[in-house]
């Protein structure tokens, strides 16, 4: 049996997409006889009823490195797998030093890093001239000592995993010598498709929302955050009603998450409610709040159309997109820059420009009036989503683990 120690900035799957991904990955790996433990913050571990989830640090400041090093050495793991997204570590940089310190302290087993986000932020230490910081970044990256964004996290690891083409392309450009250790493994859908009767799901959804049986439901799925383009969607939906008065808008998902919490989450929830009232959309828009996964699946099974109007565009690292496609919903989504090749080439999603209210409204109106195109998108979306199943994802990870475990010396990255 292979034993893996995961490091996760947080491990609250109901409130964090990366944590949810890690939990799903662990469950799928368990079926392949891969045992895993999670090393995370004490606060995160306290909320999880899982003996394999261990709180080993209070936060991700520099002081966390010593207990983290000790926890890794005591883990008895065959390899270490770091799940990295800057926000999950509170944008603290100490994790960038961990691979180097592990090697110095005698850790000779493989280190694998999954890069969930890359190419959009960098460390700018205060008190240092910007020209000097830039010169050091370029020098280290050119020689393969460190990279300008994630320090030693990528250069001292044995394998890098990306979840999307955009991150992969930037890493290849910055660290070409790492290309032979770089793997792309897509994420999976956030919610599995529950076994349900579609006619019954449609009926129950409309009863729950107090809508008539002939309404056409447009569904948004995921956390309700300011970056998700929800204000654009509400304004666009107001225009849709002028042409398709039987349409209704469903938001499946809550506001509270690690990215938006406490008073900020409450404030945004009230802001959306106020906007719905201002646009005279009461009784035509339903906000479900957070739902258990099985119930969320039933809601989506009862909808007719999916929409994701993200402000920065949609990519294949969106579990929300994959969930909508897996449920057979024809989807209108915003175009990412640069475009996601798989989405643009295979025509499984109708793409529109981000933040453009009228363009989004027109796309929704046309698709609502075109059952043939909706059917085509539904079928092609389901087929497309099959490649993002968790069994495949887990097997691909196991292949990577076996590859790094077979290296002559794991200490040589």
Protein backbone atom coordinates (compact mmCIF):
# COMPACT_ATOMS: atom_id res chain seq x y z
CA UNK A 1 0.00 0.00 0.00
CA UNK A 2 1.24 3.48 -0.93
CA UNK A 3 1.05 6.08 1.84
CA UNK A 4 0.69 9.75 0.88
CA UNK A 5 0.90 12.78 3.16
CA UNK A 6 -1.02 15.74 1.75
CA UNK A 7 -0.30 19.29 2.83
CA UNK A 8 -3.33 21.55 2.44
CA UNK A 9 -3.55 25.21 3.37
CA UNK A 10 -7.00 24.51 4.67
CA UNK A 11 -9.17 21.43 4.77
CA UNK A 12 -12.77 22.59 4.90
CA UNK A 13 -14.30 20.98 1.80
CA UNK A 14 -17.68 22.68 2.17
CA UNK A 15 -16.09 26.12 2.13
CA UNK A 16 -13.08 25.78 -0.19
CA UNK A 17 -12.82 24.43 -3.72
CA UNK A 18 -9.22 23.21 -3.32
CA UNK A 19 -10.09 21.44 -0.05
CA UNK A 20 -13.11 19.83 -1.74
CA UNK A 21 -10.85 18.70 -4.58
CA UNK A 22 -8.38 17.20 -2.11
CA UNK A 23 -11.14 15.36 -0.24
CA UNK A 24 -12.53 13.89 -3.46
CA UNK A 25 -9.04 12.90 -4.58
CA UNK A 26 -8.35 11.13 -1.28
CA UNK A 27 -11.62 9.20 -1.50
CA UNK A 28 -10.85 8.10 -5.07
CA UNK A 29 -7.26 7.14 -4.21
CA UNK A 30 -8.48 5.06 -1.28
CA UNK A 31 -10.26 2.80 -3.79
CA UNK A 32 -6.86 2.25 -5.45
CA UNK A 33 -5.29 1.15 -2.14
CA UNK A 34 -3.58 4.50 -1.55
CA UNK A 35 -3.68 5.50 2.11
CA UNK A 36 -3.53 9.22 2.84
CA UNK A 37 -3.30 11.72 5.66
CA UNK A 38 -3.68 15.49 5.58
CA UNK A 39 -1.41 17.95 7.36
CA UNK A 40 -3.18 21.26 7.73
CA UNK A 41 -3.99 24.06 10.17
CA UNK A 42 -5.28 23.31 13.65
CA UNK A 43 -8.47 25.31 13.02
CA UNK A 44 -9.27 23.36 9.87
CA UNK A 45 -8.60 19.99 11.49
CA UNK A 46 -10.89 20.80 14.42
CA UNK A 47 -13.86 21.12 12.06
CA UNK A 48 -13.27 17.76 10.36
CA UNK A 49 -14.26 14.47 11.94
CA UNK A 50 -11.38 12.55 10.37
CA UNK A 51 -8.51 11.05 12.33
CA UNK A 52 -6.34 11.22 9.21
CA UNK A 53 -6.64 15.02 9.11
CA UNK A 54 -4.04 16.43 11.49
CA UNK A 55 -3.74 20.03 12.60
CA UNK A 56 0.00 20.66 12.79
CA UNK A 57 0.30 24.46 12.47
CA UNK A 58 -1.60 27.44 13.84
CA UNK A 59 -1.09 29.43 10.65
CA UNK A 60 1.26 29.56 7.68
CA UNK A 61 3.73 32.11 8.98
CA UNK A 62 7.47 31.31 9.03
CA UNK A 63 7.11 29.94 12.55
CA UNK A 64 4.96 27.14 11.12
CA UNK A 65 7.87 25.60 9.23
CA UNK A 66 9.44 23.78 12.18
CA UNK A 67 6.28 21.90 13.30
CA UNK A 68 5.44 21.25 9.65
CA UNK A 69 8.88 19.76 9.02
CA UNK A 70 8.52 17.57 12.08
CA UNK A 71 5.05 16.42 11.03
CA UNK A 72 6.26 15.44 7.56
CA UNK A 73 9.21 13.46 8.97
CA UNK A 74 6.90 11.67 11.43
CA UNK A 75 4.21 10.93 8.85
CA UNK A 76 5.72 7.60 7.66
CA UNK A 77 4.53 8.59 4.19
CA UNK A 78 6.08 7.20 1.03
CA UNK A 79 5.73 10.60 -0.58
CA UNK A 80 4.59 14.13 0.15
CA UNK A 81 1.95 15.84 -1.97
CA UNK A 82 1.51 19.60 -1.51
CA UNK A 83 -1.76 21.13 -2.73
CA UNK A 84 -0.96 24.75 -3.51
CA UNK A 85 -3.22 27.69 -4.16
CA UNK A 86 -1.95 30.94 -2.68
CA UNK A 87 -5.25 31.92 -1.09
CA UNK A 88 -5.57 28.69 0.88
CA UNK A 89 -2.36 29.58 2.72
CA UNK A 90 -3.55 33.11 3.39
CA UNK A 91 -1.04 34.32 0.77
CA UNK A 92 1.79 33.48 3.21
CA UNK A 93 5.11 32.51 1.63
CA UNK A 94 6.58 30.10 4.17
CA UNK A 95 5.32 27.08 2.21
CA UNK A 96 7.71 28.10 -0.61
CA UNK A 97 10.67 27.14 1.60
CA UNK A 98 9.35 23.77 2.72
CA UNK A 99 10.78 21.53 -0.07
CA UNK A 100 14.26 23.03 0.36
CA UNK A 101 14.17 22.65 4.14
CA UNK A 102 12.94 19.08 3.84
CA UNK A 103 15.90 18.17 1.65
CA UNK A 104 18.33 19.91 3.99
CA UNK A 105 16.81 18.09 6.96
CA UNK A 106 17.25 14.68 5.33
CA UNK A 107 13.90 13.97 3.65
CA UNK A 108 14.74 11.75 0.67
CA UNK A 109 11.28 10.70 -0.41
CA UNK A 110 9.48 12.23 -3.41
CA UNK A 111 7.73 15.59 -3.26
CA UNK A 112 4.80 16.23 -5.60
CA UNK A 113 3.17 19.65 -5.93
CA UNK A 114 -0.23 20.36 -7.47
CA UNK A 115 -0.35 23.96 -8.71
CA UNK A 116 -3.99 25.00 -8.73
CA UNK A 117 -3.26 28.62 -9.61
CA UNK A 118 -0.23 30.12 -11.25
CA UNK A 119 0.89 33.14 -13.20
CA UNK A 120 -1.12 35.89 -11.51
CA UNK A 121 0.70 36.96 -8.32
CA UNK A 122 4.25 37.27 -7.01
CA UNK A 123 6.09 37.92 -3.78
CA UNK A 124 7.07 41.55 -3.30
CA UNK A 125 8.96 41.75 0.03
CA UNK A 126 8.66 45.15 1.71
CA UNK A 127 11.78 47.17 2.33
CA UNK A 128 13.76 45.84 -0.64
CA UNK A 129 14.40 47.81 -3.85
CA UNK A 130 12.12 46.50 -6.58
CA UNK A 131 15.01 46.31 -9.08
CA UNK A 132 16.99 44.05 -6.72
CA UNK A 133 14.02 41.76 -6.10
CA UNK A 134 13.42 41.48 -9.84
CA UNK A 135 17.09 40.73 -10.53
CA UNK A 136 17.10 37.95 -7.92
CA UNK A 137 13.88 36.48 -9.30
CA UNK A 138 15.30 36.37 -12.81
CA UNK A 139 18.67 35.00 -11.70
CA UNK A 140 17.19 32.16 -9.66
CA UNK A 141 14.61 31.24 -12.25
CA UNK A 142 17.12 31.29 -15.11
CA UNK A 143 19.38 28.87 -13.25
CA UNK A 144 16.53 26.71 -11.98
CA UNK A 145 17.21 27.47 -8.30
CA UNK A 146 13.76 28.94 -7.62
CA UNK A 147 10.91 30.39 -9.59
CA UNK A 148 9.71 33.97 -9.36
CA UNK A 149 6.25 33.11 -8.10
CA UNK A 150 6.51 30.04 -5.84
CA UNK A 151 10.12 30.03 -4.63
CA UNK A 152 11.47 26.50 -4.12
CA UNK A 153 8.05 24.88 -4.29
CA UNK A 154 8.39 23.93 -7.96
CA UNK A 155 12.15 23.69 -8.46
CA UNK A 156 12.88 21.25 -5.61
CA UNK A 157 9.89 18.97 -6.16
CA UNK A 158 10.03 15.69 -8.09
CA UNK A 159 6.80 16.21 -10.01
CA UNK A 160 4.50 19.12 -10.78
CA UNK A 161 0.80 18.69 -11.48
CA UNK A 162 -1.32 21.42 -13.03
CA UNK A 163 -5.08 21.34 -13.37
CA UNK A 164 -5.40 23.64 -16.38
CA UNK A 165 -3.62 24.57 -19.57
CA UNK A 166 -3.01 28.22 -18.65
CA UNK A 167 -0.92 27.35 -15.59
CA UNK A 168 0.91 24.64 -17.51
CA UNK A 169 1.92 27.02 -20.29
CA UNK A 170 3.35 29.61 -17.88
CA UNK A 171 5.34 26.98 -15.97
CA UNK A 172 6.76 25.57 -19.20
CA UNK A 173 7.82 29.04 -20.31
CA UNK A 174 9.44 29.92 -16.98
CA UNK A 175 10.93 26.53 -16.10
CA UNK A 176 11.57 24.66 -19.36
CA UNK A 177 13.93 22.25 -17.61
CA UNK A 178 10.95 21.00 -15.56
CA UNK A 179 8.91 19.98 -18.61
CA UNK A 180 9.72 16.28 -18.21
CA UNK A 181 8.36 16.36 -14.65
CA UNK A 182 5.20 18.32 -15.46
CA UNK A 183 1.82 16.59 -15.66
CA UNK A 184 -1.63 17.99 -16.35
CA UNK A 185 -4.48 16.25 -14.55
CA UNK A 186 -7.89 17.93 -14.75
CA UNK A 187 -10.15 18.46 -11.79
CA UNK A 188 -13.50 16.71 -11.52
CA UNK A 189 -17.06 17.88 -11.04
CA UNK A 190 -17.92 19.29 -7.62
CA UNK A 191 -21.15 17.29 -7.39
CA UNK A 192 -21.79 13.79 -8.64
CA UNK A 193 -24.94 13.23 -10.69
CA UNK A 194 -27.46 11.67 -8.33
CA UNK A 195 -29.76 8.94 -9.58
CA UNK A 196 -33.09 10.68 -10.08
CA UNK A 197 -36.09 10.82 -12.37
CA UNK A 198 -35.71 13.99 -14.44
CA UNK A 199 -39.46 14.63 -14.70
CA UNK A 200 -39.83 14.26 -10.95
CA UNK A 201 -36.80 16.50 -10.36
CA UNK A 202 -38.32 19.19 -12.58
CA UNK A 203 -41.63 18.98 -10.74
CA UNK A 204 -40.07 19.12 -7.28
CA UNK A 205 -37.80 22.04 -8.17
CA UNK A 206 -40.69 24.15 -9.39
CA UNK A 207 -42.76 23.28 -6.35
CA UNK A 208 -39.88 24.20 -4.03
CA UNK A 209 -39.41 27.56 -5.73
CA UNK A 210 -43.17 28.15 -6.04
CA UNK A 211 -42.93 28.38 -9.82
CA UNK A 212 -45.46 27.10 -12.35
CA UNK A 213 -44.81 23.83 -14.15
CA UNK A 214 -44.20 25.53 -17.53
CA UNK A 215 -41.31 27.70 -16.36
CA UNK A 216 -37.88 27.36 -17.96
CA UNK A 217 -35.14 27.37 -15.34
CA UNK A 218 -31.68 28.86 -15.87
CA UNK A 219 -29.27 27.60 -13.18
CA UNK A 220 -26.08 29.09 -11.77
CA UNK A 221 -24.02 26.69 -9.66
CA UNK A 222 -21.22 27.49 -7.21
CA UNK A 223 -20.28 29.95 -4.51
CA UNK A 224 -21.94 33.34 -4.86
CA UNK A 225 -18.94 35.69 -4.90
CA UNK A 226 -18.41 39.16 -6.42
CA UNK A 227 -15.97 37.76 -9.02
CA UNK A 228 -18.61 35.36 -10.39
CA UNK A 229 -20.41 38.02 -12.46
CA UNK A 230 -23.70 37.62 -10.59
CA UNK A 231 -24.62 41.29 -10.92
CA UNK A 232 -24.10 40.98 -14.68
CA UNK A 233 -26.30 37.89 -14.74
CA UNK A 234 -29.14 39.51 -12.82
CA UNK A 235 -29.14 42.51 -15.15
CA UNK A 236 -29.05 40.21 -18.18
CA UNK A 237 -31.87 38.08 -16.79
CA UNK A 238 -34.01 41.21 -16.49
CA UNK A 239 -33.64 41.58 -20.28
CA UNK A 240 -34.35 37.88 -20.82
CA UNK A 241 -37.71 38.21 -19.10
CA UNK A 242 -38.75 40.84 -21.62
CA UNK A 243 -38.59 38.17 -24.35
CA UNK A 244 -39.00 34.94 -22.37
CA UNK A 245 -41.38 35.81 -19.49
CA UNK A 246 -41.66 32.16 -18.44
CA UNK A 247 -37.92 32.01 -17.61
CA UNK A 248 -36.73 31.76 -14.02
CA UNK A 249 -33.24 32.09 -12.52
CA UNK A 250 -31.93 29.64 -9.92
CA UNK A 251 -28.76 30.09 -7.86
CA UNK A 252 -27.55 26.80 -6.37
CA UNK A 253 -24.87 27.56 -3.81
CA UNK A 254 -24.11 29.63 -0.75
CA UNK A 255 -22.07 32.75 -0.12
CA UNK A 256 -19.98 31.78 2.91
CA UNK A 257 -16.58 30.35 2.01
CA UNK A 258 -12.93 30.79 2.95
CA UNK A 259 -12.67 33.44 0.25
CA UNK A 260 -15.71 35.35 1.51
CA UNK A 261 -16.59 34.87 5.14
CA UNK A 262 -18.30 36.41 8.14
CA UNK A 263 -19.58 39.95 7.77
CA UNK A 264 -18.30 40.20 4.19
CA UNK A 265 -20.39 37.19 3.17
CA UNK A 266 -23.47 38.51 4.97
CA UNK A 267 -23.03 41.91 3.36
CA UNK A 268 -22.80 40.41 -0.11
CA UNK A 269 -25.86 38.22 0.46
CA UNK A 270 -27.89 41.29 1.46
CA UNK A 271 -26.49 43.19 -1.52
CA UNK A 272 -27.77 40.50 -3.90
CA UNK A 273 -31.18 40.48 -2.23
CA UNK A 274 -31.36 44.26 -2.59
CA UNK A 275 -30.39 44.07 -6.27
CA UNK A 276 -33.05 41.42 -6.92
CA UNK A 277 -35.62 43.73 -5.34
CA UNK A 278 -34.36 46.76 -7.27
CA UNK A 279 -34.62 44.88 -10.59
CA UNK A 280 -38.14 43.69 -9.68
CA UNK A 281 -37.09 40.05 -9.88
CA UNK A 282 -38.67 38.82 -6.64
CA UNK A 283 -40.42 35.47 -7.20
CA UNK A 284 -38.50 35.08 -10.45
CA UNK A 285 -35.10 34.44 -8.85
CA UNK A 286 -34.44 31.80 -6.20
CA UNK A 287 -31.28 31.63 -4.05
CA UNK A 288 -31.02 28.17 -2.55
CA UNK A 289 -28.09 28.80 -0.22
CA UNK A 290 -25.71 25.94 0.51
CA UNK A 291 -27.21 22.52 -0.19
CA UNK A 292 -26.07 18.95 0.49
CA UNK A 293 -24.53 17.51 -2.66
CA UNK A 294 -27.35 15.04 -3.39
CA UNK A 295 -29.97 17.78 -3.14
CA UNK A 296 -27.88 20.16 -5.24
CA UNK A 297 -27.74 17.45 -7.92
CA UNK A 298 -31.53 17.10 -7.84
CA UNK A 299 -31.94 20.86 -8.26
CA UNK A 300 -29.65 20.84 -11.30
CA UNK A 301 -31.45 17.81 -12.73
CA UNK A 302 -34.63 19.89 -12.70
CA UNK A 303 -33.14 22.87 -14.54
CA UNK A 304 -33.08 23.53 -18.29
CA UNK A 305 -29.99 25.65 -18.83
CA UNK A 306 -26.73 26.46 -17.05
CA UNK A 307 -24.96 29.81 -16.88
CA UNK A 308 -21.55 30.87 -15.51
CA UNK A 309 -20.84 34.57 -16.13
CA UNK A 310 -17.49 34.78 -14.31
CA UNK A 311 -15.81 38.19 -14.54
CA UNK A 312 -12.49 36.68 -15.68
CA UNK A 313 -14.00 33.94 -17.83
CA UNK A 314 -14.42 30.22 -17.30
CA UNK A 315 -11.68 27.59 -17.55
CA UNK A 316 -11.52 23.84 -17.04
CA UNK A 317 -10.39 24.35 -13.46
CA UNK A 318 -14.00 25.29 -12.73
CA UNK A 319 -15.70 22.43 -10.93
CA UNK A 320 -18.95 24.34 -11.38
CA UNK A 321 -18.65 24.12 -15.15
CA UNK A 322 -17.92 20.40 -15.08
CA UNK A 323 -20.85 19.83 -12.72
CA UNK A 324 -23.28 21.61 -15.04
CA UNK A 325 -22.00 19.67 -18.05
CA UNK A 326 -22.17 16.35 -16.21
CA UNK A 327 -25.82 17.07 -15.41
CA UNK A 328 -26.54 17.51 -19.09
CA UNK A 329 -27.24 21.23 -18.94
CA UNK A 330 -26.47 23.32 -22.02
CA UNK A 331 -24.21 26.06 -20.70
CA UNK A 332 -23.61 29.71 -21.50
CA UNK A 333 -20.33 30.88 -19.98
CA UNK A 334 -17.91 33.76 -20.27
CA UNK A 335 -14.79 33.48 -22.40
CA UNK A 336 -11.42 33.36 -20.66
CA UNK A 337 -8.37 35.22 -21.98
CA UNK A 338 -6.43 33.37 -23.27
CA UNK A 339 -9.22 31.07 -24.44
CA UNK A 340 -9.41 27.53 -23.06
CA UNK A 341 -8.59 25.40 -26.16
CA UNK A 342 -10.75 22.43 -25.18
CA UNK A 343 -13.82 24.63 -24.75
CA UNK A 344 -13.34 26.70 -27.90
CA UNK A 345 -12.38 23.79 -30.15
CA UNK A 346 -15.06 21.31 -29.15
CA UNK A 347 -18.04 23.71 -28.97
CA UNK A 348 -19.45 22.21 -25.78
CA UNK A 349 -20.25 25.62 -24.28
CA UNK A 350 -21.65 28.84 -25.71
CA UNK A 351 -19.08 31.52 -24.88
CA UNK A 352 -19.73 35.23 -24.40
CA UNK A 353 -17.65 38.23 -23.37
CA UNK A 354 -17.34 38.80 -19.60
CA UNK A 355 -19.24 41.72 -18.01
CA UNK A 356 -21.35 42.31 -21.13
CA UNK A 357 -24.97 42.35 -19.97
CA UNK A 358 -26.66 42.57 -23.36
CA UNK A 359 -24.46 39.95 -24.99
CA UNK A 360 -25.19 37.52 -22.17
CA UNK A 361 -28.91 38.24 -22.40
CA UNK A 362 -28.98 37.65 -26.16
CA UNK A 363 -27.13 34.33 -25.79
CA UNK A 364 -29.60 33.13 -23.15
CA UNK A 365 -32.62 34.28 -25.17
CA UNK A 366 -31.42 32.52 -28.32
CA UNK A 367 -30.64 29.30 -26.50
CA UNK A 368 -33.98 29.28 -24.69
CA UNK A 369 -35.69 29.57 -28.08
CA UNK A 370 -33.61 26.83 -29.73
CA UNK A 371 -34.40 23.34 -28.36
CA UNK A 372 -32.27 21.68 -31.05
CA UNK A 373 -29.13 23.56 -30.00
CA UNK A 374 -29.91 22.95 -26.34
CA UNK A 375 -30.15 19.24 -27.05
CA UNK A 376 -26.85 19.25 -28.97
CA UNK A 377 -25.04 21.07 -26.17
CA UNK A 378 -26.56 18.76 -23.57
CA UNK A 379 -25.30 15.63 -25.31
CA UNK A 380 -21.87 17.01 -26.19
CA UNK A 381 -21.45 18.40 -22.68
CA UNK A 382 -22.19 15.06 -21.03
CA UNK A 383 -19.73 13.29 -23.32
CA UNK A 384 -17.08 15.95 -22.72
CA UNK A 385 -17.50 15.76 -18.93
CA UNK A 386 -16.91 11.99 -18.82
CA UNK A 387 -13.16 12.47 -19.13
CA UNK A 388 -13.16 14.40 -15.85
CA UNK A 389 -14.31 11.57 -13.62
CA UNK A 390 -12.60 10.96 -10.30
CA UNK A 391 -11.61 7.37 -11.10
CA UNK A 392 -9.54 8.63 -14.02
CA UNK A 393 -8.10 11.47 -11.95
CA UNK A 394 -7.07 9.12 -9.14
CA UNK A 395 -5.50 6.61 -11.54
CA UNK A 396 -3.51 9.38 -13.21
CA UNK A 397 -2.25 10.48 -9.79
CA UNK A 398 -1.26 6.93 -8.95
CA UNK A 399 0.71 6.78 -12.21
CA UNK A 400 2.58 9.94 -11.18
CA UNK A 401 3.25 8.53 -7.71
CA UNK A 402 4.64 5.32 -9.16
CA UNK A 403 6.84 7.30 -11.54
CA UNK A 404 8.44 9.43 -8.83
CA UNK A 405 8.81 6.48 -6.47
CA UNK A 406 10.76 4.66 -9.17
CA UNK A 407 13.33 7.45 -9.58
CA UNK A 408 16.86 6.29 -8.60
CA UNK A 409 17.15 9.09 -6.06
CA UNK A 410 14.09 10.99 -4.93
CA UNK A 411 16.26 13.73 -3.51
CA UNK A 412 17.21 14.82 -7.00
CA UNK A 413 14.46 16.94 -8.41
